[in-house]
Amino acid sequence: MTSRLKHVNPLQLGIVCCVLYFLIAFIPMVILMLAVGAVPPALTGGAAMSPMSFIFIPFAYGIGGFLGGLLMGWLYNVVAGWTGGIEIRLESVAVPLEAPL
């Protein structure tokens, strides 16, 4: 079965991108924060990151992801209007029912 993606909701795409980009930044920042916290500043030459950067960077990525997703959703809708959208092939599959526990 062939289908065509002709429209996306830009706001919903922006929200999904916001959460994805936040997580993309948050998870490494937690690891980095633990690593930097374990190293005394004297060994790094005092070049440790500010604690505010560990908070700011994931939120900055999230905001950027939201705005980028919003823009990409809107642009996709414009371009899909010109080109007809992305054609995808879908397959129906039977999902077996699970036995209750």
PDB file of N, CA and C in Angstrom:
ATOM      1  N   MET A   1       0.851  -1.172   0.000  1.00  0.00           N
ATOM      2  CA  MET A   1       0.000   0.000   0.000  1.00  0.00           C
ATOM      3  C   MET A   1       0.897   1.236   0.000  1.00  0.00           C
ATOM      4  N   THR A   2       0.682   2.117  -0.925  1.00  0.00           N
ATOM      5  CA  THR A   2       1.469   3.334  -1.011  1.00  0.00           C
ATOM      6  C   THR A   2       0.661   4.504  -0.465  1.00  0.00           C
ATOM      7  N   SER A   3       1.288   5.303   0.355  1.00  0.00           N
ATOM      8  CA  SER A   3       0.657   6.488   0.927  1.00  0.00           C
ATOM      9  C   SER A   3       1.551   7.688   0.669  1.00  0.00           C
ATOM     10  N   ARG A   4       1.001   8.857   0.878  1.00  0.00           N
ATOM     11  CA  ARG A   4       1.753  10.077   0.651  1.00  0.00           C
ATOM     12  C   ARG A   4       1.583  10.987   1.863  1.00  0.00           C
ATOM     13  N   LEU A   5       2.701  11.458   2.394  1.00  0.00           N
ATOM     14  CA  LEU A   5       2.691  12.396   3.511  1.00  0.00           C
ATOM     15  C   LEU A   5       2.584  13.798   2.921  1.00  0.00           C
ATOM     16  N   LYS A   6       1.404  14.389   3.033  1.00  0.00           N
ATOM     17  CA  LYS A   6       1.161  15.685   2.397  1.00  0.00           C
ATOM     18  C   LYS A   6       1.181  16.847   3.375  1.00  0.00           C
ATOM     19  N   HIS A   7       1.073  16.575   4.687  1.00  0.00           N
ATOM     20  CA  HIS A   7       1.004  17.669   5.656  1.00  0.00           C
ATOM     21  C   HIS A   7       1.488  17.189   7.009  1.00  0.00           C
ATOM     22  N   VAL A   8       2.239  18.033   7.699  1.00  0.00           N
ATOM     23  CA  VAL A   8       2.617  17.768   9.085  1.00  0.00           C
ATOM     24  C   VAL A   8       2.165  18.955   9.919  1.00  0.00           C
ATOM     25  N   ASN A   9       1.882  18.708  11.191  1.00  0.00           N
ATOM     26  CA  ASN A   9       1.519  19.782  12.102  1.00  0.00           C
ATOM     27  C   ASN A   9       2.817  20.413  12.606  1.00  0.00           C
ATOM     28  N   PRO A  10       3.148  21.639  12.170  1.00  0.00           N
ATOM     29  CA  PRO A  10       4.426  22.244  12.570  1.00  0.00           C
ATOM     30  C   PRO A  10       4.583  22.379  14.082  1.00  0.00           C
ATOM     31  N   LEU A  11       3.507  22.705  14.791  1.00  0.00           N
ATOM     32  CA  LEU A  11       3.612  22.862  16.241  1.00  0.00           C
ATOM     33  C   LEU A  11       3.951  21.529  16.902  1.00  0.00           C
ATOM     34  N   GLN A  12       3.301  20.458  16.478  1.00  0.00           N
ATOM     35  CA  GLN A  12       3.579  19.137  17.050  1.00  0.00           C
ATOM     36  C   GLN A  12       4.999  18.698  16.719  1.00  0.00           C
ATOM     37  N   LEU A  13       5.437  18.952  15.497  1.00  0.00           N
ATOM     38  CA  LEU A  13       6.808  18.622  15.120  1.00  0.00           C
ATOM     39  C   LEU A  13       7.797  19.428  15.956  1.00  0.00           C
ATOM     40  N   GLY A  14       7.481  20.699  16.203  1.00  0.00           N
ATOM     41  CA  GLY A  14       8.347  21.538  17.037  1.00  0.00           C
ATOM     42  C   GLY A  14       8.448  21.001  18.454  1.00  0.00           C
ATOM     43  N   ILE A  15       7.335  20.534  19.012  1.00  0.00           N
ATOM     44  CA  ILE A  15       7.340  19.990  20.374  1.00  0.00           C
ATOM     45  C   ILE A  15       8.165  18.705  20.435  1.00  0.00           C
ATOM     46  N   VAL A  16       7.990  17.835  19.465  1.00  0.00           N
ATOM     47  CA  VAL A  16       8.759  16.586  19.430  1.00  0.00           C
ATOM     48  C   VAL A  16      10.250  16.903  19.304  1.00  0.00           C
ATOM     49  N   CYS A  17      10.610  17.822  18.408  1.00  0.00           N
ATOM     50  CA  CYS A  17      12.019  18.197  18.240  1.00  0.00           C
ATOM     51  C   CYS A  17      12.572  18.843  19.508  1.00  0.00           C
ATOM     52  N   CYS A  18      11.767  19.626  20.199  1.00  0.00           N
ATOM     53  CA  CYS A  18      12.179  20.260  21.443  1.00  0.00           C
ATOM     54  C   CYS A  18      12.595  19.198  22.462  1.00  0.00           C
ATOM     55  N   VAL A  19      11.759  18.197  22.652  1.00  0.00           N
ATOM     56  CA  VAL A  19      12.061  17.152  23.632  1.00  0.00           C
ATOM     57  C   VAL A  19      13.277  16.338  23.189  1.00  0.00           C
ATOM     58  N   LEU A  20      13.342  15.997  21.907  1.00  0.00           N
ATOM     59  CA  LEU A  20      14.484  15.225  21.410  1.00  0.00           C
ATOM     60  C   LEU A  20      15.794  15.987  21.581  1.00  0.00           C
ATOM     61  N   TYR A  21      15.819  17.255  21.201  1.00  0.00           N
ATOM     62  CA  TYR A  21      17.041  18.041  21.311  1.00  0.00           C
ATOM     63  C   TYR A  21      17.422  18.274  22.767  1.00  0.00           C
ATOM     64  N   PHE A  22      16.419  18.448  23.647  1.00  0.00           N
ATOM     65  CA  PHE A  22      16.711  18.597  25.070  1.00  0.00           C
ATOM     66  C   PHE A  22      17.410  17.339  25.578  1.00  0.00           C
ATOM     67  N   LEU A  23      16.874  16.171  25.236  1.00  0.00           N
ATOM     68  CA  LEU A  23      17.482  14.921  25.681  1.00  0.00           C
ATOM     69  C   LEU A  23      18.858  14.704  25.067  1.00  0.00           C
ATOM     70  N   ILE A  24      19.020  15.107  23.801  1.00  0.00           N
ATOM     71  CA  ILE A  24      20.318  14.988  23.144  1.00  0.00           C
ATOM     72  C   ILE A  24      21.373  15.796  23.890  1.00  0.00           C
ATOM     73  N   ALA A  25      20.997  16.925  24.468  1.00  0.00           N
ATOM     74  CA  ALA A  25      21.949  17.752  25.217  1.00  0.00           C
ATOM     75  C   ALA A  25      22.010  17.351  26.683  1.00  0.00           C
ATOM     76  N   PHE A  26      20.874  16.956  27.267  1.00  0.00           N
ATOM     77  CA  PHE A  26      20.815  16.708  28.706  1.00  0.00           C
ATOM     78  C   PHE A  26      21.636  15.491  29.120  1.00  0.00           C
ATOM     79  N   ILE A  27      21.489  14.397  28.396  1.00  0.00           N
ATOM     80  CA  ILE A  27      22.171  13.161  28.780  1.00  0.00           C
ATOM     81  C   ILE A  27      23.694  13.336  28.776  1.00  0.00           C
ATOM     82  N   PRO A  28      24.302  13.886  27.709  1.00  0.00           N
ATOM     83  CA  PRO A  28      25.756  14.104  27.774  1.00  0.00           C
ATOM     84  C   PRO A  28      26.151  15.131  28.837  1.00  0.00           C
ATOM     85  N   MET A  29      25.291  16.115  29.096  1.00  0.00           N
ATOM     86  CA  MET A  29      25.634  17.115  30.109  1.00  0.00           C
ATOM     87  C   MET A  29      25.667  16.499  31.500  1.00  0.00           C
ATOM     88  N   VAL A  30      24.782  15.551  31.778  1.00  0.00           N
ATOM     89  CA  VAL A  30      24.815  14.865  33.074  1.00  0.00           C
ATOM     90  C   VAL A  30      26.115  14.080  33.207  1.00  0.00           C
ATOM     91  N   ILE A  31      26.489  13.370  32.153  1.00  0.00           N
ATOM     92  CA  ILE A  31      27.740  12.607  32.172  1.00  0.00           C
ATOM     93  C   ILE A  31      28.927  13.549  32.333  1.00  0.00           C
ATOM     94  N   LEU A  32      28.925  14.658  31.593  1.00  0.00           N
ATOM     95  CA  LEU A  32      30.009  15.629  31.682  1.00  0.00           C
ATOM     96  C   LEU A  32      30.053  16.265  33.063  1.00  0.00           C
ATOM     97  N   MET A  33      28.894  16.563  33.628  1.00  0.00           N
ATOM     98  CA  MET A  33      28.849  17.174  34.952  1.00  0.00           C
ATOM     99  C   MET A  33      29.448  16.224  35.990  1.00  0.00           C
ATOM    100  N   LEU A  34      29.139  14.948  35.882  1.00  0.00           N
ATOM    101  CA  LEU A  34      29.709  13.974  36.805  1.00  0.00           C
ATOM    102  C   LEU A  34      31.217  13.851  36.609  1.00  0.00           C
ATOM    103  N   ALA A  35      31.654  13.897  35.354  1.00  0.00           N
ATOM    104  CA  ALA A  35      33.089  13.790  35.076  1.00  0.00           C
ATOM    105  C   ALA A  35      33.841  15.024  35.566  1.00  0.00           C
ATOM    106  N   VAL A  36      33.294  16.205  35.303  1.00  0.00           N
ATOM    107  CA  VAL A  36      33.950  17.447  35.718  1.00  0.00           C
ATOM    108  C   VAL A  36      33.924  17.574  37.227  1.00  0.00           C
ATOM    109  N   GLY A  37      32.833  17.140  37.847  1.00  0.00           N
ATOM    110  CA  GLY A  37      32.739  17.218  39.297  1.00  0.00           C
ATOM    111  C   GLY A  37      33.740  16.310  39.988  1.00  0.00           C
ATOM    112  N   ALA A  38      34.162  15.247  39.292  1.00  0.00           N
ATOM    113  CA  ALA A  38      35.103  14.309  39.880  1.00  0.00           C
ATOM    114  C   ALA A  38      36.547  14.767  39.730  1.00  0.00           C
ATOM    115  N   VAL A  39      36.794  15.762  38.901  1.00  0.00           N
ATOM    116  CA  VAL A  39      38.160  16.247  38.658  1.00  0.00           C
ATOM    117  C   VAL A  39      38.348  17.559  39.391  1.00  0.00           C
ATOM    118  N   PRO A  40      39.327  17.646  40.270  1.00  0.00           N
ATOM    119  CA  PRO A  40      39.568  18.910  40.973  1.00  0.00           C
ATOM    120  C   PRO A  40      39.932  20.027  39.998  1.00  0.00           C
ATOM    121  N   PRO A  41      39.418  21.257  40.216  1.00  0.00           N
ATOM    122  CA  PRO A  41      39.723  22.369  39.308  1.00  0.00           C
ATOM    123  C   PRO A  41      41.210  22.644  39.176  1.00  0.00           C
ATOM    124  N   ALA A  42      42.001  22.312  40.182  1.00  0.00           N
ATOM    125  CA  ALA A  42      43.445  22.542  40.109  1.00  0.00           C
ATOM    126  C   ALA A  42      44.071  21.707  38.986  1.00  0.00           C
ATOM    127  N   LEU A  43      43.519  20.516  38.737  1.00  0.00           N
ATOM    128  CA  LEU A  43      44.063  19.657  37.681  1.00  0.00           C
ATOM    129  C   LEU A  43      43.639  20.108  36.291  1.00  0.00           C
ATOM    130  N   THR A  44      42.544  20.830  36.193  1.00  0.00           N
ATOM    131  CA  THR A  44      42.079  21.302  34.885  1.00  0.00           C
ATOM    132  C   THR A  44      42.530  22.724  34.616  1.00  0.00           C
ATOM    133  N   GLY A  45      43.316  23.292  35.505  1.00  0.00           N
ATOM    134  CA  GLY A  45      43.776  24.666  35.316  1.00  0.00           C
ATOM    135  C   GLY A  45      42.670  25.669  35.560  1.00  0.00           C
ATOM    136  N   GLY A  46      41.642  25.283  36.299  1.00  0.00           N
ATOM    137  CA  GLY A  46      40.530  26.193  36.587  1.00  0.00           C
ATOM    138  C   GLY A  46      39.609  26.387  35.401  1.00  0.00           C
ATOM    139  N   ALA A  47      39.718  25.520  34.395  1.00  0.00           N
ATOM    140  CA  ALA A  47      38.933  25.677  33.169  1.00  0.00           C
ATOM    141  C   ALA A  47      37.622  24.899  33.230  1.00  0.00           C
ATOM    142  N   ALA A  48      37.123  24.635  34.431  1.00  0.00           N
ATOM    143  CA  ALA A  48      35.870  23.894  34.558  1.00  0.00           C
ATOM    144  C   ALA A  48      34.701  24.742  34.060  1.00  0.00           C
ATOM    145  N   MET A  49      33.667  24.076  33.598  1.00  0.00           N
ATOM    146  CA  MET A  49      32.477  24.776  33.104  1.00  0.00           C
ATOM    147  C   MET A  49      31.689  25.339  34.272  1.00  0.00           C
ATOM    148  N   SER A  50      31.000  26.416  34.014  1.00  0.00           N
ATOM    149  CA  SER A  50      30.131  27.013  35.022  1.00  0.00           C
ATOM    150  C   SER A  50      28.956  26.072  35.287  1.00  0.00           C
ATOM    151  N   PRO A  51      28.520  25.977  36.545  1.00  0.00           N
ATOM    152  CA  PRO A  51      27.347  25.140  36.825  1.00  0.00           C
ATOM    153  C   PRO A  51      26.107  25.592  36.051  1.00  0.00           C
ATOM    154  N   MET A  52      25.997  26.867  35.754  1.00  0.00           N
ATOM    155  CA  MET A  52      24.845  27.361  34.988  1.00  0.00           C
ATOM    156  C   MET A  52      24.843  26.814  33.567  1.00  0.00           C
ATOM    157  N   SER A  53      26.024  26.529  33.014  1.00  0.00           N
ATOM    158  CA  SER A  53      26.070  26.007  31.652  1.00  0.00           C
ATOM    159  C   SER A  53      25.446  24.618  31.580  1.00  0.00           C
ATOM    160  N   PHE A  54      25.541  23.855  32.664  1.00  0.00           N
ATOM    161  CA  PHE A  54      24.935  22.525  32.678  1.00  0.00           C
ATOM    162  C   PHE A  54      23.415  22.618  32.637  1.00  0.00           C
ATOM    163  N   ILE A  55      22.869  23.714  33.117  1.00  0.00           N
ATOM    164  CA  ILE A  55      21.424  23.941  33.079  1.00  0.00           C
ATOM    165  C   ILE A  55      21.034  24.616  31.768  1.00  0.00           C
ATOM    166  N   PHE A  56      21.820  25.600  31.346  1.00  0.00           N
ATOM    167  CA  PHE A  56      21.487  26.416  30.179  1.00  0.00           C
ATOM    168  C   PHE A  56      21.556  25.632  28.869  1.00  0.00           C
ATOM    169  N   ILE A  57      22.596  24.828  28.682  1.00  0.00           N
ATOM    170  CA  ILE A  57      22.822  24.168  27.394  1.00  0.00           C
ATOM    171  C   ILE A  57      21.668  23.247  26.989  1.00  0.00           C
ATOM    172  N   PRO A  58      21.163  22.347  27.856  1.00  0.00           N
ATOM    173  CA  PRO A  58      20.027  21.509  27.420  1.00  0.00           C
ATOM    174  C   PRO A  58      18.785  22.328  27.065  1.00  0.00           C
ATOM    175  N   PHE A  59      18.517  23.393  27.823  1.00  0.00           N
ATOM    176  CA  PHE A  59      17.349  24.218  27.504  1.00  0.00           C
ATOM    177  C   PHE A  59      17.558  24.998  26.207  1.00  0.00           C
ATOM    178  N   ALA A  60      18.786  25.449  25.964  1.00  0.00           N
ATOM    179  CA  ALA A  60      19.079  26.136  24.701  1.00  0.00           C
ATOM    180  C   ALA A  60      18.882  25.176  23.521  1.00  0.00           C
ATOM    181  N   TYR A  61      19.346  23.934  23.657  1.00  0.00           N
ATOM    182  CA  TYR A  61      19.127  22.944  22.608  1.00  0.00           C
ATOM    183  C   TYR A  61      17.633  22.687  22.412  1.00  0.00           C
ATOM    184  N   GLY A  62      16.888  22.587  23.510  1.00  0.00           N
ATOM    185  CA  GLY A  62      15.453  22.350  23.417  1.00  0.00           C
ATOM    186  C   GLY A  62      14.736  23.471  22.682  1.00  0.00           C
ATOM    187  N   ILE A  63      15.074  24.715  23.024  1.00  0.00           N
ATOM    188  CA  ILE A  63      14.457  25.874  22.345  1.00  0.00           C
ATOM    189  C   ILE A  63      14.839  25.890  20.870  1.00  0.00           C
ATOM    190  N   GLY A  64      16.115  25.635  20.598  1.00  0.00           N
ATOM    191  CA  GLY A  64      16.558  25.579  19.200  1.00  0.00           C
ATOM    192  C   GLY A  64      15.875  24.467  18.435  1.00  0.00           C
ATOM    193  N   GLY A  65      15.694  23.311  19.084  1.00  0.00           N
ATOM    194  CA  GLY A  65      15.004  22.192  18.442  1.00  0.00           C
ATOM    195  C   GLY A  65      13.559  22.519  18.145  1.00  0.00           C
ATOM    196  N   PHE A  66      12.898  23.214  19.090  1.00  0.00           N
ATOM    197  CA  PHE A  66      11.506  23.611  18.877  1.00  0.00           C
ATOM    198  C   PHE A  66      11.386  24.554  17.688  1.00  0.00           C
ATOM    199  N   LEU A  67      12.222  25.588  17.672  1.00  0.00           N
ATOM    200  CA  LEU A  67      12.164  26.561  16.575  1.00  0.00           C
ATOM    201  C   LEU A  67      12.534  25.917  15.243  1.00  0.00           C
ATOM    202  N   GLY A  68      13.543  25.051  15.257  1.00  0.00           N
ATOM    203  CA  GLY A  68      13.930  24.351  14.031  1.00  0.00           C
ATOM    204  C   GLY A  68      12.836  23.423  13.542  1.00  0.00           C
ATOM    205  N   GLY A  69      12.197  22.698  14.462  1.00  0.00           N
ATOM    206  CA  GLY A  69      11.108  21.801  14.081  1.00  0.00           C
ATOM    207  C   GLY A  69       9.910  22.554  13.546  1.00  0.00           C
ATOM    208  N   LEU A  70       9.605  23.689  14.180  1.00  0.00           N
ATOM    209  CA  LEU A  70       8.499  24.533  13.724  1.00  0.00           C
ATOM    210  C   LEU A  70       8.761  25.021  12.300  1.00  0.00           C
ATOM    211  N   LEU A  71       9.972  25.502  12.056  1.00  0.00           N
ATOM    212  CA  LEU A  71      10.344  25.991  10.727  1.00  0.00           C
ATOM    213  C   LEU A  71      10.336  24.855   9.704  1.00  0.00           C
ATOM    214  N   MET A  72      10.910  23.700  10.073  1.00  0.00           N
ATOM    215  CA  MET A  72      10.957  22.577   9.132  1.00  0.00           C
ATOM    216  C   MET A  72       9.559  22.055   8.810  1.00  0.00           C
ATOM    217  N   GLY A  73       8.666  22.025   9.814  1.00  0.00           N
ATOM    218  CA  GLY A  73       7.293  21.592   9.555  1.00  0.00           C
ATOM    219  C   GLY A  73       6.585  22.517   8.589  1.00  0.00           C
ATOM    220  N   TRP A  74       6.754  23.811   8.803  1.00  0.00           N
ATOM    221  CA  TRP A  74       6.117  24.788   7.922  1.00  0.00           C
ATOM    222  C   TRP A  74       6.706  24.686   6.512  1.00  0.00           C
ATOM    223  N   LEU A  75       8.033  24.597   6.419  1.00  0.00           N
ATOM    224  CA  LEU A  75       8.677  24.487   5.102  1.00  0.00           C
ATOM    225  C   LEU A  75       8.274  23.189   4.400  1.00  0.00           C
ATOM    226  N   TYR A  76       8.165  22.105   5.163  1.00  0.00           N
ATOM    227  CA  TYR A  76       7.755  20.848   4.543  1.00  0.00           C
ATOM    228  C   TYR A  76       6.376  20.985   3.918  1.00  0.00           C
ATOM    229  N   ASN A  77       5.450  21.619   4.639  1.00  0.00           N
ATOM    230  CA  ASN A  77       4.107  21.786   4.110  1.00  0.00           C
ATOM    231  C   ASN A  77       4.109  22.616   2.833  1.00  0.00           C
ATOM    232  N   VAL A  78       4.934  23.648   2.781  1.00  0.00           N
ATOM    233  CA  VAL A  78       5.031  24.475   1.565  1.00  0.00           C
ATOM    234  C   VAL A  78       5.584  23.646   0.412  1.00  0.00           C
ATOM    235  N   VAL A  79       6.690  22.942   0.658  1.00  0.00           N
ATOM    236  CA  VAL A  79       7.326  22.152  -0.399  1.00  0.00           C
ATOM    237  C   VAL A  79       6.447  20.967  -0.800  1.00  0.00           C
ATOM    238  N   ALA A  80       5.761  20.346   0.154  1.00  0.00           N
ATOM    239  CA  ALA A  80       4.866  19.232  -0.174  1.00  0.00           C
ATOM    240  C   ALA A  80       3.717  19.702  -1.052  1.00  0.00           C
ATOM    241  N   GLY A  81       3.295  20.957  -0.874  1.00  0.00           N
ATOM    242  CA  GLY A  81       2.259  21.511  -1.749  1.00  0.00           C
ATOM    243  C   GLY A  81       2.746  21.635  -3.183  1.00  0.00           C
ATOM    244  N   TRP A  82       4.029  21.908  -3.358  1.00  0.00           N
ATOM    245  CA  TRP A  82       4.592  22.048  -4.706  1.00  0.00           C
ATOM    246  C   TRP A  82       4.883  20.692  -5.337  1.00  0.00           C
ATOM    247  N   THR A  83       5.390  19.754  -4.517  1.00  0.00           N
ATOM    248  CA  THR A  83       5.892  18.492  -5.057  1.00  0.00           C
ATOM    249  C   THR A  83       4.970  17.306  -4.843  1.00  0.00           C
ATOM    250  N   GLY A  84       3.967  17.455  -3.991  1.00  0.00           N
ATOM    251  CA  GLY A  84       3.058  16.348  -3.722  1.00  0.00           C
ATOM    252  C   GLY A  84       3.392  15.588  -2.451  1.00  0.00           C
ATOM    253  N   GLY A  85       4.478  15.895  -1.807  1.00  0.00           N
ATOM    254  CA  GLY A  85       4.826  15.234  -0.545  1.00  0.00           C
ATOM    255  C   GLY A  85       5.721  14.031  -0.738  1.00  0.00           C
ATOM    256  N   ILE A  86       6.009  13.372   0.374  1.00  0.00           N
ATOM    257  CA  ILE A  86       6.867  12.191   0.375  1.00  0.00           C
ATOM    258  C   ILE A  86       5.996  10.954   0.222  1.00  0.00           C
ATOM    259  N   GLU A  87       6.366  10.105  -0.715  1.00  0.00           N
ATOM    260  CA  GLU A  87       5.629   8.867  -0.928  1.00  0.00           C
ATOM    261  C   GLU A  87       6.261   7.783  -0.066  1.00  0.00           C
ATOM    262  N   ILE A  88       5.416   7.079   0.683  1.00  0.00           N
ATOM    263  CA  ILE A  88       5.895   5.997   1.536  1.00  0.00           C
ATOM    264  C   ILE A  88       5.084   4.753   1.256  1.00  0.00           C
ATOM    265  N   ARG A  89       5.666   3.603   1.492  1.00  0.00           N
ATOM    266  CA  ARG A  89       4.969   2.344   1.300  1.00  0.00           C
ATOM    267  C   ARG A  89       4.727   1.739   2.675  1.00  0.00           C
ATOM    268  N   LEU A  90       3.478   1.457   2.968  1.00  0.00           N
ATOM    269  CA  LEU A  90       3.084   0.894   4.248  1.00  0.00           C
ATOM    270  C   LEU A  90       2.645  -0.547   4.063  1.00  0.00           C
ATOM    271  N   GLU A  91       2.891  -1.361   5.068  1.00  0.00           N
ATOM    272  CA  GLU A  91       2.490  -2.761   5.024  1.00  0.00           C
ATOM    273  C   GLU A  91       1.667  -3.057   6.271  1.00  0.00           C
ATOM    274  N   SER A  92       0.532  -3.688   6.085  1.00  0.00           N
ATOM    275  CA  SER A  92      -0.292  -4.098   7.212  1.00  0.00           C
ATOM    276  C   SER A  92       0.216  -5.445   7.726  1.00  0.00           C
ATOM    277  N   VAL A  93       0.419  -5.513   9.035  1.00  0.00           N
ATOM    278  CA  VAL A  93       0.867  -6.765   9.620  1.00  0.00           C
ATOM    279  C   VAL A  93      -0.081  -7.137  10.753  1.00  0.00           C
ATOM    280  N   ALA A  94      -0.269  -8.421  10.924  1.00  0.00           N
ATOM    281  CA  ALA A  94      -1.118  -8.914  12.015  1.00  0.00           C
ATOM    282  C   ALA A  94      -0.310  -8.930  13.300  1.00  0.00           C
ATOM    283  N   VAL A  95      -0.865  -8.368  14.341  1.00  0.00           N
ATOM    284  CA  VAL A  95      -0.196  -8.360  15.636  1.00  0.00           C
ATOM    285  C   VAL A  95      -0.903  -9.382  16.512  1.00  0.00           C
ATOM    286  N   PRO A  96      -0.167 -10.384  16.991  1.00  0.00           N
ATOM    287  CA  PRO A  96      -0.822 -11.412  17.825  1.00  0.00           C
ATOM    288  C   PRO A  96      -1.239 -10.816  19.174  1.00  0.00           C
ATOM    289  N   LEU A  97      -2.382 -11.246  19.644  1.00  0.00           N
ATOM    290  CA  LEU A  97      -2.856 -10.773  20.948  1.00  0.00           C
ATOM    291  C   LEU A  97      -2.047 -11.474  22.033  1.00  0.00           C
ATOM    292  N   GLU A  98      -1.682 -10.703  23.055  1.00  0.00           N
ATOM    293  CA  GLU A  98      -0.944 -11.280  24.175  1.00  0.00           C
ATOM    294  C   GLU A  98      -1.920 -11.883  25.168  1.00  0.00           C
ATOM    295  N   ALA A  99      -1.531 -12.992  25.756  1.00  0.00           N
ATOM    296  CA  ALA A  99      -2.366 -13.633  26.768  1.00  0.00           C
ATOM    297  C   ALA A  99      -2.308 -12.813  28.054  1.00  0.00           C
ATOM    298  N   PRO A 100      -3.436 -12.601  28.723  1.00  0.00           N
ATOM    299  CA  PRO A 100      -3.404 -11.844  29.981  1.00  0.00           C
ATOM    300  C   PRO A 100      -2.606 -12.574  31.042  1.00  0.00           C
ATOM    301  N   LEU A 101      -1.962 -11.820  31.916  1.00  0.00           N
ATOM    302  CA  LEU A 101      -1.123 -12.428  32.967  1.00  0.00           C
ATOM    303  C   LEU A 101      -1.934 -12.979  34.080  1.00  0.00           C
TER     304      LEU A 101
END
